[in-house]
Amino acid sequence: MSDEIQPFVVYRIDGAQMECALWQFKDGQKALAFFLSGDAATSFKESANLGPEWKIFCPAREALLQMLKGCHEAGIGYAVLDPDLERAKRIFNIQDILSAVAE
């Protein structure tokens, strides 16, 4: 059995760039927001007052890994699962994920 999740992501296209919804820790660090369901992603999108240009999708594994690599290169060190405005269910270290996939 695989312990991988297939998360949903909230995103928008800004010019030629894809921008994903981020969640902010109390210390100011930002994390990529992942969701276990489209409903959870929709709730986050609504509670964060993201506009109609923000969409929801469940990326394939390779696209997800590319997103994680891009976030890591941009200095975003974490991804969070099912965040709301106060807390997230789980926090993932992006470097640890990328290292595990490379093994």
N, C-alpha and C. Protein backbone atom coordinates (compact mmCIF):
# COMPACT_ATOMS: atom_id res chain seq x y z
N MET A 1 0.83 -1.19 0.00
CA MET A 1 0.00 0.00 0.00
C MET A 1 0.87 1.25 0.00
N SER A 2 0.43 2.25 -0.70
CA SER A 2 1.16 3.51 -0.75
C SER A 2 0.63 4.46 0.31
N ASP A 3 1.55 5.22 0.92
CA ASP A 3 1.11 6.22 1.90
C ASP A 3 1.08 7.61 1.29
N GLU A 4 1.15 7.67 -0.05
CA GLU A 4 1.10 8.96 -0.73
C GLU A 4 -0.34 9.48 -0.76
N ILE A 5 -0.46 10.79 -0.69
CA ILE A 5 -1.77 11.41 -0.84
C ILE A 5 -1.82 12.06 -2.22
N GLN A 6 -3.00 12.27 -2.71
CA GLN A 6 -3.19 12.98 -3.97
C GLN A 6 -3.97 14.24 -3.64
N PRO A 7 -3.24 15.29 -3.26
CA PRO A 7 -3.90 16.49 -2.77
C PRO A 7 -4.49 17.36 -3.86
N PHE A 8 -5.44 18.16 -3.44
CA PHE A 8 -5.98 19.22 -4.29
C PHE A 8 -5.21 20.49 -3.98
N VAL A 9 -5.11 21.36 -4.98
CA VAL A 9 -4.38 22.61 -4.86
C VAL A 9 -5.29 23.74 -5.34
N VAL A 10 -5.21 24.88 -4.68
CA VAL A 10 -5.91 26.09 -5.11
C VAL A 10 -4.87 26.94 -5.83
N TYR A 11 -5.18 27.36 -7.07
CA TYR A 11 -4.19 28.07 -7.87
C TYR A 11 -4.84 29.11 -8.76
N ARG A 12 -3.98 29.97 -9.31
CA ARG A 12 -4.42 30.88 -10.37
C ARG A 12 -3.26 31.05 -11.33
N ILE A 13 -3.58 31.45 -12.54
CA ILE A 13 -2.57 31.74 -13.54
C ILE A 13 -2.39 33.25 -13.59
N ASP A 14 -1.15 33.69 -13.39
CA ASP A 14 -0.81 35.11 -13.41
C ASP A 14 0.23 35.29 -14.50
N GLY A 15 -0.22 35.74 -15.68
CA GLY A 15 0.68 35.83 -16.83
C GLY A 15 1.08 34.43 -17.25
N ALA A 16 2.39 34.16 -17.26
CA ALA A 16 2.89 32.84 -17.62
C ALA A 16 3.18 31.98 -16.39
N GLN A 17 2.88 32.50 -15.21
CA GLN A 17 3.19 31.80 -13.97
C GLN A 17 1.94 31.23 -13.31
N MET A 18 2.11 30.07 -12.70
CA MET A 18 1.05 29.51 -11.88
C MET A 18 1.35 29.88 -10.43
N GLU A 19 0.37 30.42 -9.75
CA GLU A 19 0.53 30.80 -8.34
C GLU A 19 -0.39 29.92 -7.51
N CYS A 20 0.16 29.27 -6.51
CA CYS A 20 -0.63 28.40 -5.63
C CYS A 20 -0.97 29.13 -4.34
N ALA A 21 -2.08 28.73 -3.75
CA ALA A 21 -2.47 29.31 -2.46
C ALA A 21 -1.45 28.90 -1.41
N LEU A 22 -1.09 29.86 -0.59
CA LEU A 22 -0.14 29.65 0.49
C LEU A 22 -0.83 29.85 1.83
N TRP A 23 -0.27 29.25 2.84
CA TRP A 23 -0.74 29.39 4.20
C TRP A 23 0.42 29.96 5.01
N GLN A 24 0.15 30.80 5.98
CA GLN A 24 1.22 31.45 6.73
C GLN A 24 1.25 31.00 8.18
N PHE A 25 2.46 30.59 8.62
CA PHE A 25 2.68 30.25 10.03
C PHE A 25 2.66 31.55 10.84
N LYS A 26 2.47 31.41 12.14
CA LYS A 26 2.45 32.59 13.02
C LYS A 26 3.77 33.37 12.97
N ASP A 27 4.90 32.67 12.68
CA ASP A 27 6.20 33.35 12.61
C ASP A 27 6.45 34.02 11.26
N GLY A 28 5.49 33.92 10.35
CA GLY A 28 5.61 34.59 9.06
C GLY A 28 6.01 33.70 7.90
N GLN A 29 6.55 32.50 8.18
CA GLN A 29 6.91 31.59 7.09
C GLN A 29 5.67 31.20 6.31
N LYS A 30 5.86 30.96 5.03
CA LYS A 30 4.74 30.55 4.19
C LYS A 30 4.89 29.08 3.82
N ALA A 31 3.75 28.44 3.59
CA ALA A 31 3.71 27.03 3.23
C ALA A 31 2.70 26.83 2.09
N LEU A 32 3.00 25.88 1.22
CA LEU A 32 2.08 25.51 0.15
C LEU A 32 0.88 24.81 0.77
N ALA A 33 -0.33 25.22 0.39
CA ALA A 33 -1.56 24.66 0.96
C ALA A 33 -2.06 23.49 0.10
N PHE A 34 -2.20 22.31 0.73
CA PHE A 34 -2.75 21.11 0.10
C PHE A 34 -4.05 20.75 0.80
N PHE A 35 -4.94 20.08 0.06
CA PHE A 35 -6.25 19.70 0.61
C PHE A 35 -6.57 18.27 0.23
N LEU A 36 -7.20 17.54 1.16
CA LEU A 36 -7.56 16.15 0.90
C LEU A 36 -8.77 16.02 -0.01
N SER A 37 -9.57 17.08 -0.12
CA SER A 37 -10.76 17.01 -0.97
C SER A 37 -11.00 18.34 -1.67
N GLY A 38 -11.75 18.27 -2.74
CA GLY A 38 -12.15 19.49 -3.43
C GLY A 38 -13.00 20.38 -2.54
N ASP A 39 -13.82 19.76 -1.68
CA ASP A 39 -14.66 20.53 -0.76
C ASP A 39 -13.81 21.33 0.24
N ALA A 40 -12.76 20.70 0.77
CA ALA A 40 -11.88 21.40 1.71
C ALA A 40 -11.17 22.55 1.00
N ALA A 41 -10.76 22.34 -0.25
CA ALA A 41 -10.11 23.40 -1.03
C ALA A 41 -11.08 24.55 -1.27
N THR A 42 -12.32 24.21 -1.59
CA THR A 42 -13.34 25.24 -1.82
C THR A 42 -13.60 26.04 -0.55
N SER A 43 -13.67 25.37 0.59
CA SER A 43 -13.89 26.07 1.86
C SER A 43 -12.74 27.04 2.15
N PHE A 44 -11.51 26.60 1.91
CA PHE A 44 -10.34 27.47 2.12
C PHE A 44 -10.40 28.67 1.19
N LYS A 45 -10.70 28.40 -0.08
CA LYS A 45 -10.78 29.47 -1.08
C LYS A 45 -11.80 30.53 -0.65
N GLU A 46 -12.95 30.08 -0.16
CA GLU A 46 -14.00 31.01 0.28
C GLU A 46 -13.60 31.75 1.54
N SER A 47 -13.04 31.04 2.53
CA SER A 47 -12.69 31.69 3.80
C SER A 47 -11.53 32.67 3.63
N ALA A 48 -10.65 32.41 2.65
CA ALA A 48 -9.52 33.31 2.39
C ALA A 48 -9.91 34.44 1.43
N ASN A 49 -11.17 34.46 1.01
CA ASN A 49 -11.68 35.48 0.09
C ASN A 49 -10.88 35.56 -1.21
N LEU A 50 -10.52 34.39 -1.75
CA LEU A 50 -9.82 34.35 -3.03
C LEU A 50 -10.86 34.52 -4.14
N GLY A 51 -10.52 35.29 -5.14
CA GLY A 51 -11.46 35.63 -6.20
C GLY A 51 -11.75 34.50 -7.16
N PRO A 52 -12.61 34.79 -8.16
CA PRO A 52 -13.03 33.76 -9.11
C PRO A 52 -11.90 33.28 -10.03
N GLU A 53 -10.80 34.03 -10.08
CA GLU A 53 -9.67 33.59 -10.92
C GLU A 53 -8.93 32.40 -10.29
N TRP A 54 -9.19 32.12 -9.02
CA TRP A 54 -8.56 31.00 -8.33
C TRP A 54 -9.35 29.73 -8.62
N LYS A 55 -8.66 28.70 -9.07
CA LYS A 55 -9.25 27.42 -9.45
C LYS A 55 -8.73 26.32 -8.53
N ILE A 56 -9.33 25.14 -8.64
CA ILE A 56 -8.96 23.99 -7.82
C ILE A 56 -8.69 22.81 -8.74
N PHE A 57 -7.59 22.09 -8.49
CA PHE A 57 -7.34 20.87 -9.24
C PHE A 57 -6.50 19.91 -8.42
N CYS A 58 -6.49 18.66 -8.87
CA CYS A 58 -5.71 17.60 -8.23
C CYS A 58 -4.62 17.21 -9.22
N PRO A 59 -3.39 17.70 -9.01
CA PRO A 59 -2.33 17.44 -9.99
C PRO A 59 -1.87 15.99 -9.98
N ALA A 60 -1.41 15.54 -11.14
CA ALA A 60 -0.80 14.22 -11.24
C ALA A 60 0.51 14.24 -10.45
N ARG A 61 1.03 13.09 -10.14
CA ARG A 61 2.22 12.97 -9.28
C ARG A 61 3.39 13.81 -9.81
N GLU A 62 3.70 13.71 -11.09
CA GLU A 62 4.84 14.45 -11.64
C GLU A 62 4.63 15.96 -11.56
N ALA A 63 3.41 16.41 -11.83
CA ALA A 63 3.12 17.85 -11.73
C ALA A 63 3.23 18.30 -10.28
N LEU A 64 2.79 17.46 -9.36
CA LEU A 64 2.89 17.78 -7.94
C LEU A 64 4.36 17.91 -7.52
N LEU A 65 5.19 16.98 -7.97
CA LEU A 65 6.62 17.05 -7.64
C LEU A 65 7.26 18.31 -8.22
N GLN A 66 6.86 18.70 -9.43
CA GLN A 66 7.39 19.93 -10.02
C GLN A 66 6.96 21.15 -9.20
N MET A 67 5.73 21.15 -8.72
CA MET A 67 5.26 22.25 -7.87
C MET A 67 6.09 22.31 -6.59
N LEU A 68 6.34 21.15 -5.98
CA LEU A 68 7.13 21.12 -4.76
C LEU A 68 8.55 21.62 -5.01
N LYS A 69 9.14 21.21 -6.13
CA LYS A 69 10.49 21.68 -6.47
C LYS A 69 10.50 23.19 -6.67
N GLY A 70 9.51 23.71 -7.38
CA GLY A 70 9.42 25.15 -7.61
C GLY A 70 9.27 25.92 -6.32
N CYS A 71 8.44 25.41 -5.41
CA CYS A 71 8.26 26.07 -4.11
C CYS A 71 9.56 26.05 -3.32
N HIS A 72 10.23 24.90 -3.32
CA HIS A 72 11.49 24.78 -2.59
C HIS A 72 12.51 25.77 -3.13
N GLU A 73 12.61 25.87 -4.45
CA GLU A 73 13.54 26.81 -5.08
C GLU A 73 13.18 28.26 -4.76
N ALA A 74 11.90 28.53 -4.53
CA ALA A 74 11.45 29.89 -4.21
C ALA A 74 11.57 30.19 -2.71
N GLY A 75 12.10 29.24 -1.94
CA GLY A 75 12.30 29.48 -0.52
C GLY A 75 11.14 29.08 0.38
N ILE A 76 10.16 28.37 -0.18
CA ILE A 76 9.04 27.87 0.63
C ILE A 76 9.42 26.47 1.08
N GLY A 77 9.59 26.29 2.39
CA GLY A 77 10.12 25.04 2.91
C GLY A 77 9.10 24.02 3.35
N TYR A 78 7.83 24.42 3.40
CA TYR A 78 6.82 23.51 3.94
C TYR A 78 5.57 23.47 3.07
N ALA A 79 4.85 22.36 3.22
CA ALA A 79 3.51 22.22 2.68
C ALA A 79 2.63 21.84 3.86
N VAL A 80 1.40 22.29 3.85
CA VAL A 80 0.46 21.97 4.93
C VAL A 80 -0.79 21.32 4.35
N LEU A 81 -1.38 20.45 5.13
CA LEU A 81 -2.55 19.71 4.69
C LEU A 81 -3.80 20.24 5.38
N ASP A 82 -4.81 20.52 4.58
CA ASP A 82 -6.11 21.00 5.05
C ASP A 82 -6.01 22.16 6.05
N PRO A 83 -5.32 23.24 5.67
CA PRO A 83 -5.27 24.38 6.59
C PRO A 83 -6.59 25.15 6.60
N ASP A 84 -6.84 25.82 7.71
CA ASP A 84 -7.90 26.82 7.76
C ASP A 84 -7.21 28.12 8.13
N LEU A 85 -7.92 29.10 8.59
CA LEU A 85 -7.28 30.37 8.88
C LEU A 85 -6.42 30.32 10.15
N GLU A 86 -6.60 29.29 10.98
CA GLU A 86 -5.89 29.20 12.25
C GLU A 86 -4.81 28.12 12.30
N ARG A 87 -5.09 26.95 11.73
CA ARG A 87 -4.17 25.81 11.87
C ARG A 87 -4.27 24.88 10.67
N ALA A 88 -3.31 23.96 10.60
CA ALA A 88 -3.30 22.93 9.55
C ALA A 88 -3.30 21.56 10.22
N LYS A 89 -3.86 20.56 9.53
CA LYS A 89 -3.91 19.21 10.10
C LYS A 89 -2.54 18.57 10.17
N ARG A 90 -1.69 18.86 9.18
CA ARG A 90 -0.37 18.24 9.13
C ARG A 90 0.58 19.16 8.40
N ILE A 91 1.85 19.15 8.81
CA ILE A 91 2.89 19.96 8.18
C ILE A 91 3.93 19.02 7.58
N PHE A 92 4.32 19.29 6.34
CA PHE A 92 5.32 18.49 5.65
C PHE A 92 6.52 19.36 5.31
N ASN A 93 7.72 18.82 5.49
CA ASN A 93 8.94 19.50 5.06
C ASN A 93 9.15 19.15 3.59
N ILE A 94 9.15 20.14 2.71
CA ILE A 94 9.26 19.89 1.28
C ILE A 94 10.58 19.22 0.93
N GLN A 95 11.68 19.62 1.56
CA GLN A 95 12.98 18.99 1.29
C GLN A 95 12.95 17.51 1.62
N ASP A 96 12.29 17.14 2.72
CA ASP A 96 12.18 15.73 3.10
C ASP A 96 11.39 14.95 2.05
N ILE A 97 10.34 15.53 1.53
CA ILE A 97 9.54 14.87 0.49
C ILE A 97 10.38 14.65 -0.76
N LEU A 98 11.07 15.69 -1.20
CA LEU A 98 11.89 15.60 -2.42
C LEU A 98 13.02 14.60 -2.25
N SER A 99 13.62 14.55 -1.06
CA SER A 99 14.69 13.59 -0.80
C SER A 99 14.16 12.17 -0.82
N ALA A 100 13.00 11.95 -0.23
CA ALA A 100 12.41 10.60 -0.21
C ALA A 100 12.06 10.12 -1.61
N VAL A 101 11.59 11.01 -2.45
CA VAL A 101 11.23 10.64 -3.82
C VAL A 101 12.47 10.33 -4.63
N ALA A 102 13.59 11.00 -4.35
CA ALA A 102 14.83 10.80 -5.09
C ALA A 102 15.52 9.48 -4.75
N GLU A 103 15.17 8.88 -3.62
CA GLU A 103 15.83 7.62 -3.19
C GLU A 103 15.42 6.45 -4.03
